[in-house]
Amino acid sequence: MERGAGEYAARGMMMDKIAVLIPCYNEAMTITKVVADARAALPDAVVYVYDNNSTDDTARLASEAGAVVRHEYMQGKGNVIRRMFREIDAQCYIMVDGDDTYPMEAAPEMADKVLHHNADMVVGDRLSSTYFTENKRPFHNMGNSLVRSAINHLFDCNIRDIMTGYRAFSYDFVKTFPVLSHGFEIETEMTIHAVYNAMQIDNVVITYRDRPAGSASKLNTFRDGFRVLGTIFNLYRNYRPLQFYGWFSLILAALSVIFFIPVFRDYLVTGLVAKFPTLFVCCFVMLAAFMSLFAGLILSNLERNTRRQFEVQRNMLHHGYRELLREEESAGAEGKASWTEKG
């Protein structure tokens, strides 16, 4: 018997053990197979398809395949993920695209890392396997490598695939992740959030396959690529303010010194300052360097306080999560006992 929205309406406010989240926009060609693969790989999971204003039969086909279908009317993958994370409570979340490029056979291993090995985010790593041979878009290959190198260097981490749409999450991650992006830069934001907050990140190598013939990617190589780079820039400025403004301070101070040296050398030889405008500019540039440094120090202190508050809030959230699990276990045991007595 296929499971649809009606069956899950009876679940009330119960927390799912595993929720499979599939954001979709015009994926009628592949969504039936993706839902079927998810249900086969994770028989006890609830499969949710969030339709993002599709103009084809994506929603109908997903419902017929047994998924719980919901809708997000603000366009953009980031908006869909915000809605999913807000509405669904689960012990483990598996997020996968609806284009049938990711193997659901890897989902049990990813879920196990969240449920039994304390992982907060599990990355489905395409780049260590078949991505560069399967993907037929060379600029995408270059962009993925560039983004991976930039984030690993700037944030001192070792994430193997930044832009993958195949991930598993813990309850803690989902309920503490502030979704600020609207589009495909959301994957970058997720990765940096986990790295910055010292969450446990694991990698699972997966076999990537390109989209089937006739299925078109929604990712615009250059437009979305620049948005991703802009997201990295902004998050680096917000999460690493002392490094960000420290580099600006160092560059400005170096420029000031370089242009000041000839002026000072002439003064030593002649006893006169022949280039007052250059001297004034050097002074103002050095002043800007000091201002940049102190801005970084102040923002770094604020950022450290924000991290302390985040840890406190995360502890409170985790405590509430454990209480909810205990209540559900208790309710389940009482229900089972009542059923036994009636029997």
Foldseek 3Di string as FASTA:
>chain_A
DAAEQVVCVVVPPDAQAEEEEEEDAQQVVQQLVVLLQLCVQPVRYAYEYEYAPHPDCNQVSNRVSRHYYHYDPQDAPLSSLLVVLVPHHHQKYKYAYRQPFFHSNCVVVQSCCSPPVQAFKEAAAAPVACCVPQDPDVLVVVLQVVLQVVCCVLLVHHDRTQQHRTMMGGNLLSVLQDRDDGYSLSSNSSVVVCSLLVGHYHYDYTHTHDGPPPDDDPDDSPVVSVVNVVVSVVVSCQRQVQVVLLVVLVVLLVVLVVLVVVQVVVCVVPVDRPCPVSNVVSVVSNVVSVVSNVVSVVSVVVSVVVSVVSVVVSVVVVVVVVVSVVVVVVVVVVVVVVVVVVD
